[in-house]
Amino acid sequence: MSTSDELKNYLTQNFGGAEGDWKRLSKGKNEQGQPVRVFENKRGGEKIEVTETGAGQFSARSLSDAAKE
């Protein structure tokens, strides 16, 4: 299972929808060199940024909420 597939499972459990609803929009690295992926729920439009913090750990934040502020 790829990391993106694992993250889609995580997103489904924590943000809703089905795994097939989540699409990875981008993949890159932040200033600290940590992998960062942005996913969008194709049905609901919510965007989530997921940062790989090491040792199989991730942090996630909604970009949809940030856009509303």
N, C-alpha and C. Protein backbone atom coordinates (compact mmCIF):
# COMPACT_ATOMS: atom_id res chain seq x y z
N MET A 1 0.86 -1.19 0.00
CA MET A 1 0.00 0.00 0.00
C MET A 1 0.90 1.24 0.00
N SER A 2 0.60 2.17 -0.89
CA SER A 2 1.40 3.39 -0.98
C SER A 2 1.04 4.35 0.17
N THR A 3 1.90 5.31 0.39
CA THR A 3 1.64 6.31 1.43
C THR A 3 0.36 7.08 1.12
N SER A 4 0.14 7.42 -0.15
CA SER A 4 -1.08 8.15 -0.52
C SER A 4 -2.32 7.31 -0.21
N ASP A 5 -2.26 5.99 -0.44
CA ASP A 5 -3.39 5.12 -0.13
C ASP A 5 -3.64 5.09 1.38
N GLU A 6 -2.55 5.03 2.17
CA GLU A 6 -2.69 5.06 3.63
C GLU A 6 -3.32 6.37 4.08
N LEU A 7 -2.90 7.46 3.45
CA LEU A 7 -3.44 8.77 3.82
C LEU A 7 -4.90 8.91 3.41
N LYS A 8 -5.29 8.34 2.29
CA LYS A 8 -6.71 8.38 1.90
C LYS A 8 -7.55 7.64 2.93
N ASN A 9 -7.05 6.53 3.45
CA ASN A 9 -7.74 5.80 4.51
C ASN A 9 -7.86 6.68 5.75
N TYR A 10 -6.77 7.35 6.13
CA TYR A 10 -6.77 8.26 7.28
C TYR A 10 -7.77 9.40 7.08
N LEU A 11 -7.77 9.99 5.88
CA LEU A 11 -8.68 11.10 5.59
C LEU A 11 -10.13 10.66 5.67
N THR A 12 -10.41 9.46 5.17
CA THR A 12 -11.77 8.92 5.23
C THR A 12 -12.22 8.77 6.68
N GLN A 13 -11.35 8.25 7.53
CA GLN A 13 -11.69 8.03 8.93
C GLN A 13 -11.86 9.34 9.70
N ASN A 14 -11.07 10.35 9.35
CA ASN A 14 -11.05 11.57 10.15
C ASN A 14 -11.80 12.76 9.54
N PHE A 15 -12.01 12.74 8.24
CA PHE A 15 -12.67 13.88 7.58
C PHE A 15 -13.90 13.47 6.79
N GLY A 16 -14.16 12.15 6.69
CA GLY A 16 -15.36 11.66 6.03
C GLY A 16 -15.17 11.33 4.57
N GLY A 17 -16.27 10.88 3.97
CA GLY A 17 -16.25 10.48 2.57
C GLY A 17 -15.71 9.07 2.42
N ALA A 18 -15.56 8.66 1.17
CA ALA A 18 -14.98 7.35 0.83
C ALA A 18 -13.56 7.57 0.33
N GLU A 19 -12.75 6.50 0.40
CA GLU A 19 -11.36 6.63 -0.06
C GLU A 19 -11.30 7.13 -1.50
N GLY A 20 -12.25 6.68 -2.34
CA GLY A 20 -12.28 7.09 -3.73
C GLY A 20 -12.64 8.55 -3.94
N ASP A 21 -13.18 9.20 -2.89
CA ASP A 21 -13.52 10.62 -2.98
C ASP A 21 -12.29 11.52 -2.86
N TRP A 22 -11.20 10.99 -2.30
CA TRP A 22 -10.02 11.80 -2.04
C TRP A 22 -9.02 11.69 -3.18
N LYS A 23 -8.56 12.83 -3.66
CA LYS A 23 -7.59 12.88 -4.76
C LYS A 23 -6.39 13.71 -4.31
N ARG A 24 -5.19 13.18 -4.54
CA ARG A 24 -3.99 13.96 -4.21
C ARG A 24 -3.79 15.01 -5.28
N LEU A 25 -3.69 16.28 -4.85
CA LEU A 25 -3.48 17.39 -5.78
C LEU A 25 -2.01 17.71 -5.97
N SER A 26 -1.22 17.56 -4.90
CA SER A 26 0.18 17.91 -5.01
C SER A 26 1.01 17.15 -3.99
N LYS A 27 2.31 17.10 -4.27
CA LYS A 27 3.26 16.45 -3.37
C LYS A 27 4.55 17.24 -3.47
N GLY A 28 5.11 17.59 -2.33
CA GLY A 28 6.35 18.35 -2.31
C GLY A 28 6.99 18.26 -0.94
N LYS A 29 7.87 19.20 -0.66
CA LYS A 29 8.53 19.25 0.65
C LYS A 29 8.43 20.65 1.21
N ASN A 30 8.34 20.73 2.54
CA ASN A 30 8.32 22.04 3.20
C ASN A 30 9.75 22.51 3.47
N GLU A 31 9.89 23.63 4.17
CA GLU A 31 11.21 24.21 4.44
C GLU A 31 12.09 23.29 5.29
N GLN A 32 11.46 22.41 6.09
CA GLN A 32 12.19 21.48 6.93
C GLN A 32 12.54 20.18 6.20
N GLY A 33 12.15 20.07 4.94
CA GLY A 33 12.42 18.88 4.14
C GLY A 33 11.43 17.75 4.36
N GLN A 34 10.33 18.03 5.05
CA GLN A 34 9.31 17.00 5.30
C GLN A 34 8.37 16.91 4.10
N PRO A 35 8.02 15.68 3.70
CA PRO A 35 7.06 15.52 2.60
C PRO A 35 5.70 16.11 2.98
N VAL A 36 5.12 16.86 2.05
CA VAL A 36 3.81 17.49 2.24
C VAL A 36 2.93 17.12 1.03
N ARG A 37 1.72 16.66 1.33
CA ARG A 37 0.76 16.33 0.28
C ARG A 37 -0.53 17.10 0.52
N VAL A 38 -1.17 17.51 -0.56
CA VAL A 38 -2.48 18.17 -0.46
C VAL A 38 -3.49 17.27 -1.15
N PHE A 39 -4.57 16.98 -0.43
CA PHE A 39 -5.66 16.15 -0.94
C PHE A 39 -6.93 16.98 -1.00
N GLU A 40 -7.79 16.63 -1.96
CA GLU A 40 -9.10 17.27 -2.07
C GLU A 40 -10.17 16.18 -2.10
N ASN A 41 -11.26 16.43 -1.37
CA ASN A 41 -12.41 15.55 -1.44
C ASN A 41 -13.21 15.99 -2.66
N LYS A 42 -13.28 15.13 -3.67
CA LYS A 42 -13.91 15.49 -4.93
C LYS A 42 -15.41 15.78 -4.78
N ARG A 43 -16.05 15.17 -3.79
CA ARG A 43 -17.49 15.39 -3.60
C ARG A 43 -17.76 16.64 -2.78
N GLY A 44 -17.02 16.82 -1.68
CA GLY A 44 -17.28 17.93 -0.78
C GLY A 44 -16.43 19.16 -1.02
N GLY A 45 -15.32 19.00 -1.75
CA GLY A 45 -14.45 20.13 -2.05
C GLY A 45 -13.46 20.48 -0.96
N GLU A 46 -13.49 19.77 0.18
CA GLU A 46 -12.57 20.09 1.26
C GLU A 46 -11.14 19.74 0.86
N LYS A 47 -10.21 20.63 1.21
CA LYS A 47 -8.78 20.41 0.94
C LYS A 47 -8.06 20.23 2.26
N ILE A 48 -7.19 19.22 2.32
CA ILE A 48 -6.44 18.89 3.52
C ILE A 48 -4.96 18.81 3.16
N GLU A 49 -4.13 19.49 3.94
CA GLU A 49 -2.68 19.40 3.79
C GLU A 49 -2.15 18.42 4.83
N VAL A 50 -1.41 17.42 4.38
CA VAL A 50 -0.86 16.41 5.27
C VAL A 50 0.66 16.47 5.21
N THR A 51 1.29 16.63 6.38
CA THR A 51 2.74 16.68 6.48
C THR A 51 3.24 15.42 7.16
N GLU A 52 4.23 14.77 6.54
CA GLU A 52 4.85 13.59 7.12
C GLU A 52 5.91 14.07 8.11
N THR A 53 5.68 13.80 9.39
CA THR A 53 6.57 14.33 10.43
C THR A 53 7.66 13.36 10.85
N GLY A 54 7.66 12.16 10.31
CA GLY A 54 8.70 11.17 10.60
C GLY A 54 8.16 9.97 11.33
N ALA A 55 8.87 8.85 11.22
CA ALA A 55 8.53 7.59 11.90
C ALA A 55 7.09 7.18 11.64
N GLY A 56 6.60 7.41 10.42
CA GLY A 56 5.24 7.02 10.07
C GLY A 56 4.15 7.90 10.66
N GLN A 57 4.52 9.06 11.19
CA GLN A 57 3.56 9.98 11.79
C GLN A 57 3.24 11.11 10.81
N PHE A 58 1.99 11.60 10.90
CA PHE A 58 1.53 12.66 10.01
C PHE A 58 0.78 13.71 10.82
N SER A 59 0.78 14.93 10.30
CA SER A 59 -0.11 15.96 10.84
C SER A 59 -0.95 16.46 9.68
N ALA A 60 -2.19 16.78 9.97
CA ALA A 60 -3.11 17.21 8.91
C ALA A 60 -3.81 18.49 9.34
N ARG A 61 -4.04 19.36 8.36
CA ARG A 61 -4.82 20.58 8.63
C ARG A 61 -5.67 20.87 7.42
N SER A 62 -6.83 21.41 7.71
CA SER A 62 -7.77 21.75 6.65
C SER A 62 -7.37 23.07 6.01
N LEU A 63 -7.20 23.06 4.71
CA LEU A 63 -6.94 24.30 3.98
C LEU A 63 -8.24 25.00 3.67
N SER A 64 -9.33 24.26 3.71
CA SER A 64 -10.65 24.85 3.46
C SER A 64 -10.99 25.85 4.55
N ASP A 65 -10.67 25.52 5.82
CA ASP A 65 -10.92 26.43 6.92
C ASP A 65 -10.08 27.69 6.81
N ALA A 66 -8.82 27.54 6.39
CA ALA A 66 -7.92 28.69 6.26
C ALA A 66 -8.41 29.65 5.19
N ALA A 67 -9.03 29.11 4.15
CA ALA A 67 -9.52 29.96 3.06
C ALA A 67 -10.73 30.79 3.49
N LYS A 68 -11.46 30.31 4.50
CA LYS A 68 -12.66 31.01 4.98
C LYS A 68 -12.32 32.20 5.84
N GLU A 69 -11.12 32.22 6.42
CA GLU A 69 -10.73 33.31 7.35
C GLU A 69 -10.30 34.55 6.62
